[in-house]
Amino acid sequence: MAAYAACLSVAACLLLAQQTSARNDAPCQLSRYNNGYQTFLKRHLPPGTPSSLNQNEWEKFIKSLGGCDRPTQSFLHPDELDKVRSVCSSQGGKQLKDNLCISKQPFTFVTVRSFQGTCGIKSITQETKHLILACEVLENQCVPVHFEGNSRNEKPSNNARDCQDPERGSQDPGTRGHAPTFKMTPLWLFVLIFIFHGF
């Protein structure tokens, strides 16, 4: 019986840890991180972004941002902020998975790959792809909080739901703008079977 109680305690700890670390399972739900949008802007739409693909300009720029610890960085043009934000709305984005939305239109942006910790540039590439952004609610607005790479060059599905902001609503108005409270996972299922089998 003591082994059963110990296993039950471990399972409960695992479930609690999983629940607190999970990301939102749909876009435009309350964010767990208050500075997600500001971090997104600082990383992907900073002022002073070079307009050329000159390696020396980019190296100097990345050093000025203090971003030498990130080996791959993508930069959008700061003038496109409104267009980028629209990806997290029904006007500009479609739901992809979890809290990710994909832009309805392709964007042109620059991806810089550098040697981690040194800011030495490996490559600078101008890309045109659909953006994949994590969209969450901060201060009653659905905003981008993370830039997800689109290495498979995914495009939005015409059958996917629009990425909706909280003012536009969701399919279930009772959960609009709220983080999920429970999601059945294989771990939960295992614990339920374990509990009922033990009794």
N, C-alpha and C. Protein backbone atom coordinates (compact mmCIF):
# COMPACT_ATOMS: atom_id res chain seq x y z
N MET A 1 0.82 -1.20 0.00
CA MET A 1 0.00 0.00 0.00
C MET A 1 0.86 1.26 0.00
N ALA A 2 2.03 1.20 0.67
CA ALA A 2 2.93 2.35 0.71
C ALA A 2 3.47 2.66 -0.70
N ALA A 3 3.74 1.62 -1.48
CA ALA A 3 4.23 1.82 -2.85
C ALA A 3 3.15 2.49 -3.70
N TYR A 4 1.92 2.09 -3.47
CA TYR A 4 0.80 2.68 -4.20
C TYR A 4 0.68 4.17 -3.87
N ALA A 5 0.80 4.52 -2.60
CA ALA A 5 0.70 5.92 -2.17
C ALA A 5 1.86 6.73 -2.74
N ALA A 6 3.05 6.15 -2.78
CA ALA A 6 4.22 6.85 -3.34
C ALA A 6 4.03 7.11 -4.83
N CYS A 7 3.55 6.10 -5.55
CA CYS A 7 3.31 6.26 -6.99
C CYS A 7 2.24 7.31 -7.24
N LEU A 8 1.21 7.31 -6.42
CA LEU A 8 0.14 8.30 -6.57
C LEU A 8 0.66 9.72 -6.33
N SER A 9 1.54 9.87 -5.34
CA SER A 9 2.14 11.18 -5.05
C SER A 9 2.99 11.66 -6.21
N VAL A 10 3.80 10.77 -6.78
CA VAL A 10 4.65 11.14 -7.92
C VAL A 10 3.78 11.53 -9.12
N ALA A 11 2.72 10.77 -9.37
CA ALA A 11 1.83 11.08 -10.49
C ALA A 11 1.17 12.45 -10.30
N ALA A 12 0.75 12.75 -9.07
CA ALA A 12 0.13 14.06 -8.81
C ALA A 12 1.13 15.19 -9.05
N CYS A 13 2.37 15.01 -8.62
CA CYS A 13 3.41 16.03 -8.86
C CYS A 13 3.65 16.23 -10.35
N LEU A 14 3.71 15.15 -11.10
CA LEU A 14 3.90 15.24 -12.55
C LEU A 14 2.75 15.99 -13.20
N LEU A 15 1.55 15.69 -12.79
CA LEU A 15 0.38 16.35 -13.37
C LEU A 15 0.38 17.84 -13.06
N LEU A 16 0.71 18.20 -11.85
CA LEU A 16 0.75 19.62 -11.49
C LEU A 16 1.84 20.35 -12.25
N ALA A 17 3.00 19.72 -12.40
CA ALA A 17 4.10 20.35 -13.15
C ALA A 17 3.71 20.52 -14.61
N GLN A 18 3.04 19.52 -15.17
CA GLN A 18 2.62 19.59 -16.57
C GLN A 18 1.62 20.73 -16.77
N GLN A 19 0.68 20.86 -15.86
CA GLN A 19 -0.37 21.87 -16.01
C GLN A 19 0.21 23.28 -15.96
N THR A 20 1.20 23.54 -15.11
CA THR A 20 1.73 24.89 -14.99
C THR A 20 2.69 25.24 -16.11
N SER A 21 3.27 24.26 -16.78
CA SER A 21 4.23 24.57 -17.83
C SER A 21 3.62 24.52 -19.23
N ALA A 22 2.37 24.09 -19.34
CA ALA A 22 1.75 23.95 -20.66
C ALA A 22 1.49 25.32 -21.27
N ARG A 23 1.62 25.39 -22.59
CA ARG A 23 1.27 26.63 -23.30
C ARG A 23 -0.22 26.59 -23.61
N ASN A 24 -0.74 27.75 -23.96
CA ASN A 24 -2.16 27.80 -24.32
C ASN A 24 -2.43 26.87 -25.49
N ASP A 25 -3.60 26.24 -25.47
CA ASP A 25 -3.92 25.28 -26.53
C ASP A 25 -4.70 25.91 -27.67
N ALA A 26 -4.89 27.23 -27.65
CA ALA A 26 -5.54 27.94 -28.74
C ALA A 26 -5.04 29.38 -28.72
N PRO A 27 -5.08 30.05 -29.86
CA PRO A 27 -4.63 31.45 -29.89
C PRO A 27 -5.60 32.38 -29.15
N CYS A 28 -5.08 33.54 -28.80
CA CYS A 28 -5.88 34.62 -28.21
C CYS A 28 -6.50 34.26 -26.88
N GLN A 29 -5.74 33.54 -26.06
CA GLN A 29 -6.12 33.28 -24.68
C GLN A 29 -5.17 34.08 -23.79
N LEU A 30 -5.55 34.27 -22.52
CA LEU A 30 -4.73 35.06 -21.61
C LEU A 30 -3.30 34.53 -21.56
N SER A 31 -2.34 35.42 -21.64
CA SER A 31 -0.93 35.05 -21.59
C SER A 31 -0.49 34.84 -20.15
N ARG A 32 0.42 33.91 -19.97
CA ARG A 32 1.00 33.67 -18.66
C ARG A 32 2.21 34.59 -18.42
N TYR A 33 2.65 35.27 -19.46
CA TYR A 33 3.86 36.09 -19.37
C TYR A 33 3.54 37.54 -19.73
N ASN A 34 3.66 38.43 -18.77
CA ASN A 34 3.28 39.83 -18.97
C ASN A 34 4.14 40.57 -19.98
N ASN A 35 5.38 40.14 -20.19
CA ASN A 35 6.27 40.88 -21.09
C ASN A 35 6.46 40.19 -22.43
N GLY A 36 5.61 39.24 -22.79
CA GLY A 36 5.77 38.49 -24.03
C GLY A 36 5.75 39.36 -25.27
N TYR A 37 4.84 40.32 -25.33
CA TYR A 37 4.72 41.19 -26.51
C TYR A 37 5.94 42.11 -26.62
N GLN A 38 6.37 42.69 -25.51
CA GLN A 38 7.53 43.58 -25.54
C GLN A 38 8.79 42.81 -25.94
N THR A 39 8.93 41.58 -25.46
CA THR A 39 10.07 40.74 -25.86
C THR A 39 10.01 40.45 -27.35
N PHE A 40 8.81 40.15 -27.87
CA PHE A 40 8.63 39.91 -29.30
C PHE A 40 9.08 41.12 -30.11
N LEU A 41 8.63 42.31 -29.72
CA LEU A 41 9.00 43.54 -30.44
C LEU A 41 10.50 43.76 -30.41
N LYS A 42 11.10 43.58 -29.24
CA LYS A 42 12.55 43.80 -29.08
C LYS A 42 13.36 42.84 -29.95
N ARG A 43 12.89 41.61 -30.05
CA ARG A 43 13.63 40.59 -30.80
C ARG A 43 13.39 40.65 -32.31
N HIS A 44 12.19 41.01 -32.74
CA HIS A 44 11.85 40.84 -34.15
C HIS A 44 11.49 42.12 -34.91
N LEU A 45 11.22 43.21 -34.20
CA LEU A 45 10.90 44.49 -34.86
C LEU A 45 11.63 45.65 -34.17
N PRO A 46 12.91 45.50 -33.89
CA PRO A 46 13.61 46.58 -33.18
C PRO A 46 13.85 47.78 -34.09
N PRO A 47 13.87 48.98 -33.53
CA PRO A 47 14.19 50.16 -34.36
C PRO A 47 15.63 50.09 -34.83
N GLY A 48 15.89 50.66 -35.99
CA GLY A 48 17.25 50.71 -36.51
C GLY A 48 17.67 49.47 -37.27
N THR A 49 16.71 48.61 -37.61
CA THR A 49 17.03 47.39 -38.37
C THR A 49 17.68 47.78 -39.70
N PRO A 50 18.85 47.20 -40.04
CA PRO A 50 19.50 47.53 -41.31
C PRO A 50 18.60 47.26 -42.51
N SER A 51 18.69 48.11 -43.50
CA SER A 51 17.87 47.95 -44.71
C SER A 51 18.60 47.16 -45.79
N SER A 52 19.89 46.88 -45.58
CA SER A 52 20.65 46.10 -46.56
C SER A 52 20.97 44.73 -45.96
N LEU A 53 21.66 43.92 -46.74
CA LEU A 53 22.12 42.61 -46.25
C LEU A 53 23.62 42.65 -45.95
N ASN A 54 24.17 43.83 -45.69
CA ASN A 54 25.59 44.02 -45.41
C ASN A 54 25.96 43.36 -44.09
N GLN A 55 26.91 42.44 -44.15
CA GLN A 55 27.30 41.65 -42.99
C GLN A 55 27.82 42.52 -41.85
N ASN A 56 28.63 43.53 -42.15
CA ASN A 56 29.18 44.40 -41.11
C ASN A 56 28.07 45.18 -40.39
N GLU A 57 27.09 45.67 -41.15
CA GLU A 57 25.97 46.39 -40.54
C GLU A 57 25.18 45.48 -39.60
N TRP A 58 24.91 44.27 -40.05
CA TRP A 58 24.13 43.34 -39.23
C TRP A 58 24.90 42.92 -37.98
N GLU A 59 26.19 42.67 -38.12
CA GLU A 59 26.97 42.29 -36.94
C GLU A 59 26.97 43.41 -35.90
N LYS A 60 27.16 44.64 -36.35
CA LYS A 60 27.13 45.79 -35.44
C LYS A 60 25.74 45.93 -34.81
N PHE A 61 24.70 45.75 -35.61
CA PHE A 61 23.33 45.87 -35.12
C PHE A 61 23.02 44.82 -34.05
N ILE A 62 23.37 43.57 -34.33
CA ILE A 62 23.09 42.49 -33.37
C ILE A 62 23.87 42.70 -32.08
N LYS A 63 25.10 43.16 -32.18
CA LYS A 63 25.87 43.48 -30.96
C LYS A 63 25.19 44.58 -30.17
N SER A 64 24.63 45.58 -30.85
CA SER A 64 23.97 46.68 -30.15
C SER A 64 22.72 46.21 -29.41
N LEU A 65 22.10 45.14 -29.90
CA LEU A 65 20.91 44.59 -29.25
C LEU A 65 21.27 43.67 -28.08
N GLY A 66 22.54 43.26 -28.03
CA GLY A 66 22.95 42.31 -27.01
C GLY A 66 22.42 40.92 -27.30
N GLY A 67 22.23 40.59 -28.58
CA GLY A 67 21.61 39.33 -28.96
C GLY A 67 22.56 38.26 -29.44
N CYS A 68 23.78 38.25 -28.93
CA CYS A 68 24.77 37.28 -29.42
C CYS A 68 24.51 35.86 -28.90
N ASP A 69 23.60 35.70 -27.96
CA ASP A 69 23.32 34.39 -27.40
C ASP A 69 22.30 33.59 -28.22
N ARG A 70 21.72 34.21 -29.24
CA ARG A 70 20.72 33.54 -30.07
C ARG A 70 21.30 33.32 -31.46
N PRO A 71 21.60 32.06 -31.84
CA PRO A 71 22.29 31.80 -33.11
C PRO A 71 21.44 32.04 -34.36
N THR A 72 20.12 32.02 -34.25
CA THR A 72 19.24 32.30 -35.38
C THR A 72 18.23 33.35 -34.95
N GLN A 73 18.19 34.45 -35.71
CA GLN A 73 17.28 35.55 -35.39
C GLN A 73 16.61 36.03 -36.67
N SER A 74 15.32 36.29 -36.57
CA SER A 74 14.58 36.80 -37.72
C SER A 74 14.06 38.19 -37.40
N PHE A 75 14.17 39.09 -38.39
CA PHE A 75 13.81 40.49 -38.21
C PHE A 75 12.82 40.93 -39.27
N LEU A 76 11.71 41.49 -38.80
CA LEU A 76 10.71 42.08 -39.67
C LEU A 76 10.94 43.58 -39.71
N HIS A 77 10.44 44.23 -40.74
CA HIS A 77 10.62 45.68 -40.83
C HIS A 77 9.69 46.36 -39.84
N PRO A 78 10.23 47.26 -38.99
CA PRO A 78 9.39 47.93 -37.98
C PRO A 78 8.18 48.67 -38.55
N ASP A 79 8.25 49.10 -39.81
CA ASP A 79 7.12 49.79 -40.43
C ASP A 79 5.92 48.85 -40.65
N GLU A 80 6.15 47.55 -40.53
CA GLU A 80 5.07 46.57 -40.77
C GLU A 80 4.41 46.10 -39.48
N LEU A 81 4.60 46.84 -38.39
CA LEU A 81 4.07 46.42 -37.10
C LEU A 81 2.56 46.13 -37.15
N ASP A 82 1.78 47.01 -37.73
CA ASP A 82 0.33 46.80 -37.79
C ASP A 82 -0.02 45.54 -38.58
N LYS A 83 0.69 45.33 -39.67
CA LYS A 83 0.45 44.15 -40.51
C LYS A 83 0.84 42.87 -39.73
N VAL A 84 1.94 42.94 -38.98
CA VAL A 84 2.37 41.79 -38.17
C VAL A 84 1.33 41.51 -37.08
N ARG A 85 0.87 42.55 -36.40
CA ARG A 85 -0.14 42.38 -35.35
C ARG A 85 -1.43 41.78 -35.91
N SER A 86 -1.74 42.09 -37.17
CA SER A 86 -2.99 41.58 -37.75
C SER A 86 -2.98 40.07 -37.92
N VAL A 87 -1.80 39.44 -37.88
CA VAL A 87 -1.73 37.97 -37.97
C VAL A 87 -2.50 37.35 -36.80
N CYS A 88 -2.57 38.07 -35.69
CA CYS A 88 -3.29 37.58 -34.50
C CYS A 88 -4.75 38.03 -34.49
N SER A 89 -5.30 38.24 -35.66
CA SER A 89 -6.71 38.65 -35.78
C SER A 89 -7.35 37.89 -36.94
N SER A 90 -8.66 38.04 -37.04
CA SER A 90 -9.35 37.36 -38.14
C SER A 90 -9.01 37.99 -39.49
N GLN A 91 -8.54 39.24 -39.50
CA GLN A 91 -8.19 39.89 -40.76
C GLN A 91 -6.91 39.33 -41.38
N GLY A 92 -5.94 38.98 -40.55
CA GLY A 92 -4.63 38.64 -41.11
C GLY A 92 -4.11 37.25 -40.86
N GLY A 93 -4.80 36.43 -40.04
CA GLY A 93 -4.24 35.13 -39.71
C GLY A 93 -5.25 34.01 -39.64
N LYS A 94 -4.73 32.80 -39.77
CA LYS A 94 -5.52 31.57 -39.63
C LYS A 94 -4.90 30.76 -38.50
N GLN A 95 -5.72 30.02 -37.79
CA GLN A 95 -5.20 29.16 -36.73
C GLN A 95 -4.37 28.03 -37.35
N LEU A 96 -3.25 27.71 -36.68
CA LEU A 96 -2.39 26.63 -37.15
C LEU A 96 -2.45 25.45 -36.18
N LYS A 97 -1.97 25.64 -34.96
CA LYS A 97 -2.05 24.63 -33.90
C LYS A 97 -1.71 25.31 -32.59
N ASP A 98 -2.12 24.72 -31.50
CA ASP A 98 -1.90 25.29 -30.16
C ASP A 98 -2.24 26.77 -30.19
N ASN A 99 -1.33 27.61 -29.75
CA ASN A 99 -1.58 29.06 -29.74
C ASN A 99 -0.97 29.75 -30.95
N LEU A 100 -0.67 28.99 -32.00
CA LEU A 100 -0.02 29.53 -33.19
C LEU A 100 -1.02 29.91 -34.28
N CYS A 101 -0.76 31.06 -34.89
CA CYS A 101 -1.51 31.49 -36.06
C CYS A 101 -0.52 31.68 -37.21
N ILE A 102 -0.99 31.46 -38.42
CA ILE A 102 -0.16 31.64 -39.61
C ILE A 102 -0.76 32.77 -40.45
N SER A 103 0.10 33.62 -40.98
CA SER A 103 -0.38 34.78 -41.73
C SER A 103 -1.07 34.35 -43.02
N LYS A 104 -2.11 35.10 -43.38
CA LYS A 104 -2.81 34.83 -44.63
C LYS A 104 -1.97 35.24 -45.83
N GLN A 105 -1.12 36.23 -45.65
CA GLN A 105 -0.25 36.71 -46.72
C GLN A 105 1.22 36.47 -46.34
N PRO A 106 2.09 36.24 -47.33
CA PRO A 106 3.52 36.09 -47.01
C PRO A 106 4.14 37.43 -46.61
N PHE A 107 5.17 37.35 -45.80
CA PHE A 107 5.95 38.51 -45.36
C PHE A 107 7.39 38.34 -45.85
N THR A 108 8.06 39.45 -46.06
CA THR A 108 9.49 39.42 -46.36
C THR A 108 10.23 39.87 -45.11
N PHE A 109 11.20 39.06 -44.69
CA PHE A 109 11.96 39.35 -43.48
C PHE A 109 13.39 38.85 -43.66
N VAL A 110 14.25 39.23 -42.73
CA VAL A 110 15.66 38.85 -42.79
C VAL A 110 15.96 37.88 -41.65
N THR A 111 16.61 36.77 -41.99
CA THR A 111 17.07 35.81 -40.98
C THR A 111 18.59 35.86 -40.94
N VAL A 112 19.10 36.07 -39.72
CA VAL A 112 20.55 36.17 -39.52
C VAL A 112 20.97 34.97 -38.67
N ARG A 113 21.94 34.23 -39.19
CA ARG A 113 22.52 33.11 -38.43
C ARG A 113 23.93 33.52 -38.03
N SER A 114 24.22 33.35 -36.74
CA SER A 114 25.54 33.77 -36.25
C SER A 114 26.14 32.68 -35.37
N PHE A 115 27.43 32.83 -35.09
CA PHE A 115 28.12 31.92 -34.19
C PHE A 115 27.72 32.30 -32.77
N GLN A 116 27.13 31.36 -32.04
CA GLN A 116 26.59 31.65 -30.72
C GLN A 116 27.66 32.23 -29.79
N GLY A 117 27.31 33.34 -29.15
CA GLY A 117 28.19 33.96 -28.17
C GLY A 117 29.20 34.93 -28.75
N THR A 118 29.36 34.95 -30.07
CA THR A 118 30.39 35.82 -30.66
C THR A 118 29.81 36.92 -31.55
N CYS A 119 28.61 36.76 -31.99
CA CYS A 119 27.97 37.67 -32.96
C CYS A 119 28.63 37.60 -34.33
N GLY A 120 29.55 36.68 -34.54
CA GLY A 120 30.12 36.49 -35.87
C GLY A 120 29.05 35.93 -36.81
N ILE A 121 28.85 36.56 -37.94
CA ILE A 121 27.76 36.21 -38.85
C ILE A 121 28.12 35.02 -39.73
N LYS A 122 27.24 34.01 -39.76
CA LYS A 122 27.37 32.88 -40.69
C LYS A 122 26.67 33.20 -42.00
N SER A 123 25.42 33.71 -41.88
CA SER A 123 24.65 34.01 -43.09
C SER A 123 23.57 35.04 -42.79
N ILE A 124 23.22 35.77 -43.84
CA ILE A 124 22.12 36.73 -43.80
C ILE A 124 21.24 36.42 -45.00
N THR A 125 19.98 36.08 -44.73
CA THR A 125 19.09 35.65 -45.81
C THR A 125 17.80 36.46 -45.77
N GLN A 126 17.42 36.98 -46.91
CA GLN A 126 16.11 37.61 -47.02
C GLN A 126 15.13 36.53 -47.46
N GLU A 127 14.06 36.34 -46.68
CA GLU A 127 13.10 35.28 -46.95
C GLU A 127 11.71 35.88 -47.15
N THR A 128 10.90 35.19 -47.93
CA THR A 128 9.50 35.55 -48.07
C THR A 128 8.69 34.30 -47.78
N LYS A 129 8.01 34.32 -46.63
CA LYS A 129 7.22 33.17 -46.17
C LYS A 129 6.03 33.67 -45.38
N HIS A 130 5.13 32.75 -45.13
CA HIS A 130 4.02 33.05 -44.21
C HIS A 130 4.58 33.01 -42.79
N LEU A 131 4.23 34.01 -41.98
CA LEU A 131 4.68 34.06 -40.60
C LEU A 131 3.87 33.10 -39.74
N ILE A 132 4.56 32.47 -38.80
CA ILE A 132 3.89 31.66 -37.78
C ILE A 132 4.19 32.34 -36.45
N LEU A 133 3.14 32.82 -35.79
CA LEU A 133 3.29 33.57 -34.55
C LEU A 133 2.42 32.97 -33.46
N ALA A 134 2.97 32.94 -32.23
CA ALA A 134 2.15 32.60 -31.07
C ALA A 134 1.39 33.87 -30.69
N CYS A 135 0.08 33.74 -30.53
CA CYS A 135 -0.79 34.89 -30.25
C CYS A 135 -1.49 34.70 -28.91
N GLU A 136 -1.33 35.67 -28.02
CA GLU A 136 -1.94 35.59 -26.70
C GLU A 136 -2.49 36.95 -26.30
N VAL A 137 -3.38 36.94 -25.33
CA VAL A 137 -4.02 38.17 -24.88
C VAL A 137 -3.21 38.82 -23.77
N LEU A 138 -2.86 40.08 -24.00
CA LEU A 138 -2.22 40.94 -23.01
C LEU A 138 -2.94 42.28 -23.05
N GLU A 139 -3.34 42.79 -21.91
CA GLU A 139 -4.06 44.07 -21.83
C GLU A 139 -5.26 44.10 -22.79
N ASN A 140 -6.02 43.02 -22.79
CA ASN A 140 -7.26 42.89 -23.57
C ASN A 140 -7.06 42.95 -25.08
N GLN A 141 -5.85 42.66 -25.55
CA GLN A 141 -5.59 42.62 -26.99
C GLN A 141 -4.85 41.33 -27.32
N CYS A 142 -5.22 40.71 -28.42
CA CYS A 142 -4.51 39.53 -28.89
C CYS A 142 -3.30 40.00 -29.68
N VAL A 143 -2.11 39.68 -29.18
CA VAL A 143 -0.87 40.18 -29.78
C VAL A 143 0.13 39.05 -29.96
N PRO A 144 1.11 39.24 -30.87
CA PRO A 144 2.14 38.21 -31.04
C PRO A 144 3.11 38.22 -29.86
N VAL A 145 3.46 37.02 -29.38
CA VAL A 145 4.40 36.90 -28.26
C VAL A 145 5.59 36.01 -28.62
N HIS A 146 5.55 35.37 -29.78
CA HIS A 146 6.64 34.47 -30.18
C HIS A 146 6.64 34.31 -31.70
N PHE A 147 7.83 34.30 -32.29
CA PHE A 147 8.03 34.08 -33.72
C PHE A 147 8.49 32.63 -33.87
N GLU A 148 7.69 31.82 -34.52
CA GLU A 148 8.01 30.41 -34.74
C GLU A 148 8.59 30.26 -36.15
N GLY A 149 9.70 29.57 -36.28
CA GLY A 149 10.29 29.36 -37.60
C GLY A 149 9.33 28.59 -38.51
N ASN A 150 9.42 28.86 -39.79
CA ASN A 150 8.58 28.19 -40.78
C ASN A 150 9.49 27.44 -41.76
N SER A 151 10.25 26.48 -41.24
CA SER A 151 11.25 25.78 -42.06
C SER A 151 10.62 24.92 -43.15
N ARG A 152 9.37 24.50 -42.97
CA ARG A 152 8.70 23.68 -43.98
C ARG A 152 7.90 24.54 -44.96
N ASN A 153 8.05 25.86 -44.86
CA ASN A 153 7.36 26.80 -45.75
C ASN A 153 5.85 26.52 -45.78
N GLU A 154 5.26 26.39 -44.58
CA GLU A 154 3.83 26.13 -44.48
C GLU A 154 3.02 27.33 -44.96
N LYS A 155 1.83 27.03 -45.43
CA LYS A 155 0.89 28.05 -45.89
C LYS A 155 -0.42 27.84 -45.14
N PRO A 156 -1.23 28.89 -45.00
CA PRO A 156 -2.49 28.72 -44.27
C PRO A 156 -3.48 27.83 -45.03
N SER A 157 -4.23 27.06 -44.29
CA SER A 157 -5.27 26.22 -44.88
C SER A 157 -6.54 27.06 -45.03
N ASN A 158 -7.17 26.96 -46.19
CA ASN A 158 -8.44 27.66 -46.39
C ASN A 158 -9.53 27.14 -45.45
N ASN A 159 -9.36 25.91 -44.97
CA ASN A 159 -10.36 25.31 -44.08
C ASN A 159 -10.14 25.66 -42.62
N ALA A 160 -8.99 26.27 -42.29
CA ALA A 160 -8.70 26.60 -40.89
C ALA A 160 -9.53 27.80 -40.44
N ARG A 161 -9.83 27.83 -39.15
CA ARG A 161 -10.54 28.97 -38.58
C ARG A 161 -9.62 30.18 -38.57
N ASP A 162 -10.22 31.36 -38.65
CA ASP A 162 -9.45 32.59 -38.52
C ASP A 162 -8.85 32.68 -37.12
N CYS A 163 -7.71 33.32 -37.04
CA CYS A 163 -7.12 33.62 -35.74
C CYS A 163 -7.91 34.80 -35.19
N GLN A 164 -8.67 34.58 -34.15
CA GLN A 164 -9.61 35.59 -33.71
C GLN A 164 -9.14 36.30 -32.45
N ASP A 165 -9.37 37.59 -32.40
CA ASP A 165 -9.06 38.35 -31.19
C ASP A 165 -10.26 38.26 -30.25
N PRO A 166 -10.06 38.58 -28.96
CA PRO A 166 -11.14 38.39 -28.00
C PRO A 166 -12.38 39.24 -28.28
N GLU A 167 -12.23 40.40 -28.91
CA GLU A 167 -13.40 41.22 -29.22
C GLU A 167 -14.28 40.54 -30.26
N ARG A 168 -13.68 39.79 -31.16
CA ARG A 168 -14.44 39.10 -32.21
C ARG A 168 -15.10 37.84 -31.68
N GLY A 169 -14.56 37.32 -30.58
CA GLY A 169 -15.16 36.13 -29.98
C GLY A 169 -14.55 34.85 -30.49
N SER A 170 -15.01 33.77 -29.92
CA SER A 170 -14.57 32.44 -30.31
C SER A 170 -15.82 31.59 -30.46
N GLN A 171 -15.64 30.33 -30.79
CA GLN A 171 -16.78 29.45 -30.94
C GLN A 171 -17.51 29.28 -29.61
N ASP A 172 -16.78 29.36 -28.51
CA ASP A 172 -17.39 29.21 -27.18
C ASP A 172 -17.23 30.51 -26.41
N PRO A 173 -18.23 31.38 -26.42
CA PRO A 173 -18.11 32.67 -25.77
C PRO A 173 -17.80 32.57 -24.29
N GLY A 174 -18.13 31.46 -23.65
CA GLY A 174 -17.85 31.32 -22.23
C GLY A 174 -16.38 31.21 -21.90
N THR A 175 -15.56 30.82 -22.86
CA THR A 175 -14.13 30.67 -22.61
C THR A 175 -13.30 31.72 -23.31
N ARG A 176 -13.94 32.69 -23.92
CA ARG A 176 -13.25 33.72 -24.68
C ARG A 176 -12.23 34.44 -23.80
N GLY A 177 -10.97 34.49 -24.29
CA GLY A 177 -9.94 35.25 -23.61
C GLY A 177 -9.39 34.61 -22.35
N HIS A 178 -9.73 33.35 -22.08
CA HIS A 178 -9.24 32.71 -20.86
C HIS A 178 -8.33 31.55 -21.19
N ALA A 179 -7.31 31.38 -20.37
CA ALA A 179 -6.41 30.26 -20.53
C ALA A 179 -7.15 28.97 -20.22
N PRO A 180 -6.75 27.87 -20.85
CA PRO A 180 -7.45 26.61 -20.62
C PRO A 180 -7.26 26.16 -19.18
N THR A 181 -8.28 25.51 -18.62
CA THR A 181 -8.16 25.05 -17.24
C THR A 181 -7.86 23.56 -17.17
N PHE A 182 -8.22 22.80 -18.17
CA PHE A 182 -7.96 21.38 -18.13
C PHE A 182 -7.90 20.84 -19.55
N LYS A 183 -6.94 19.96 -19.78
CA LYS A 183 -6.82 19.30 -21.07
C LYS A 183 -6.46 17.84 -20.81
N MET A 184 -7.27 16.93 -21.29
CA MET A 184 -7.02 15.52 -21.08
C MET A 184 -5.79 15.10 -21.88
N THR A 185 -4.81 14.53 -21.19
CA THR A 185 -3.59 14.07 -21.83
C THR A 185 -3.39 12.60 -21.49
N PRO A 186 -2.48 11.92 -22.19
CA PRO A 186 -2.21 10.52 -21.85
C PRO A 186 -1.79 10.34 -20.39
N LEU A 187 -1.06 11.32 -19.84
CA LEU A 187 -0.64 11.21 -18.44
C LEU A 187 -1.84 11.24 -17.51
N TRP A 188 -2.80 12.13 -17.77
CA TRP A 188 -4.02 12.17 -16.96
C TRP A 188 -4.76 10.85 -17.06
N LEU A 189 -4.87 10.32 -18.25
CA LEU A 189 -5.58 9.06 -18.47
C LEU A 189 -4.91 7.93 -17.69
N PHE A 190 -3.57 7.87 -17.73
CA PHE A 190 -2.82 6.87 -16.99
C PHE A 190 -3.11 6.97 -15.49
N VAL A 191 -3.10 8.19 -14.96
CA VAL A 191 -3.34 8.38 -13.53
C VAL A 191 -4.75 7.94 -13.16
N LEU A 192 -5.75 8.28 -13.98
CA LEU A 192 -7.12 7.86 -13.67
C LEU A 192 -7.25 6.34 -13.66
N ILE A 193 -6.63 5.68 -14.64
CA ILE A 193 -6.67 4.22 -14.68
C ILE A 193 -5.96 3.64 -13.47
N PHE A 194 -4.82 4.24 -13.12
CA PHE A 194 -4.03 3.79 -11.97
C PHE A 194 -4.84 3.92 -10.68
N ILE A 195 -5.54 5.03 -10.52
CA ILE A 195 -6.33 5.26 -9.30
C ILE A 195 -7.46 4.24 -9.21
N PHE A 196 -8.23 4.08 -10.30
CA PHE A 196 -9.36 3.18 -10.24
C PHE A 196 -8.94 1.71 -10.17
N HIS A 197 -7.82 1.38 -10.76
CA HIS A 197 -7.31 0.01 -10.69
C HIS A 197 -6.84 -0.31 -9.28
N GLY A 198 -6.32 0.68 -8.57
CA GLY A 198 -5.80 0.47 -7.22
C GLY A 198 -6.89 0.30 -6.19
N PHE A 199 -8.10 0.71 -6.49
CA PHE A 199 -9.19 0.62 -5.49
C PHE A 199 -10.00 -0.61 -5.69
